[in-house]
Protein backbone atom coordinates (compact mmCIF):
# COMPACT_ATOMS: atom_id res chain seq x y z
CA MET A 1 -59.29 64.88 6.38
CA ARG A 2 -56.48 67.11 5.18
CA GLU A 3 -56.62 71.14 5.47
CA ALA A 4 -55.54 73.13 2.83
CA LYS A 5 -53.30 75.79 3.57
CA LYS A 6 -53.97 79.34 2.24
CA ASN A 7 -50.78 81.08 2.91
CA LYS A 8 -49.26 80.24 -0.71
CA THR A 9 -50.67 80.61 -4.01
CA TYR A 10 -50.33 78.53 -7.61
CA GLY A 11 -51.05 79.12 -11.09
CA LEU A 12 -52.33 82.47 -12.79
CA PRO A 13 -54.87 84.30 -10.86
CA TYR A 14 -58.19 84.11 -12.03
CA MET A 15 -62.06 83.99 -10.82
CA GLY A 16 -62.64 80.04 -9.79
CA SER A 17 -58.33 79.30 -9.51
CA LYS A 18 -57.87 76.05 -7.01
CA SER A 19 -54.76 78.27 -5.51
CA ALA A 20 -56.33 77.84 -2.15
CA ILE A 21 -56.54 74.01 -2.19
CA ALA A 22 -54.08 72.73 -5.08
CA GLU A 23 -51.60 71.23 -1.61
CA TRP A 24 -54.94 69.46 -0.66
CA ILE A 25 -55.70 68.51 -4.10
CA CYS A 26 -52.17 67.13 -5.00
CA SER A 27 -51.86 65.35 -1.39
CA TYR A 28 -54.23 62.97 -2.53
CA LEU A 29 -52.74 62.10 -5.83
CA PRO A 30 -51.69 58.90 -6.25
CA PRO A 31 -47.72 58.24 -7.22
CA ALA A 32 -47.40 58.16 -10.95
CA GLU A 33 -44.93 58.59 -13.91
CA ASN A 34 -47.11 60.88 -15.57
CA PHE A 35 -49.46 64.01 -13.97
CA TYR A 36 -52.11 65.01 -16.41
CA ASP A 37 -54.34 68.02 -15.97
CA LEU A 38 -57.18 68.34 -18.19
CA PHE A 39 -58.67 71.57 -17.12
CA CYS A 40 -56.25 73.21 -16.05
CA GLY A 41 -57.61 76.99 -16.06
CA GLY A 42 -55.03 79.26 -14.85
CA CYS A 43 -52.99 75.86 -13.69
CA ALA A 44 -52.82 76.54 -9.65
CA VAL A 45 -52.60 72.61 -9.39
CA THR A 46 -50.11 71.76 -11.79
CA HIS A 47 -48.09 74.52 -10.11
CA ALA A 48 -48.21 72.79 -7.06
CA ALA A 49 -47.52 69.53 -8.52
CA LEU A 50 -44.54 70.97 -10.29
CA LEU A 51 -42.80 71.69 -6.65
CA LEU A 52 -43.32 68.37 -5.33
CA LYS A 53 -41.33 67.17 -8.11
CA ASN A 54 -43.87 63.57 -7.79
CA TYR A 55 -44.11 63.46 -11.88
CA LYS A 56 -41.58 63.11 -14.55
CA GLN A 57 -43.78 64.50 -17.34
CA TYR A 58 -46.82 66.81 -17.06
CA ILE A 59 -49.77 67.11 -19.53
CA ILE A 60 -51.78 69.80 -19.51
CA ASN A 61 -55.21 71.28 -21.24
CA ASP A 62 -57.33 73.74 -21.19
CA LEU A 63 -60.61 75.22 -23.38
CA ASN A 64 -58.56 78.46 -23.00
CA PRO A 65 -55.08 77.30 -24.91
CA ALA A 66 -53.76 80.89 -23.79
CA SER A 67 -53.95 80.48 -19.89
CA VAL A 68 -51.93 77.15 -21.09
CA LYS A 69 -49.45 79.09 -23.34
CA LEU A 70 -48.98 81.97 -20.80
CA PHE A 71 -48.45 79.43 -17.81
CA CYS A 72 -45.82 77.64 -19.72
CA GLY A 73 -44.19 80.90 -21.15
CA ALA A 74 -43.59 82.07 -17.63
CA ILE A 75 -42.18 78.70 -15.82
CA THR A 76 -39.78 78.88 -18.33
């Protein structure tokens, strides 16, 4: 089993963030054209996936649209 790296942070900081395991999660994702993060929260996994540049298109969604807007505004 691959271990998560804990020296880099991803996405927006908040309680419950997947930042500590974002690289580990991405290491198990299959190759594809589209990346879907349906419950993105602070977008930690999306951020890690963006840096890997393994996908052509990224689709993110969350119950709280404010976090999605904030993340998208921060990366553009």
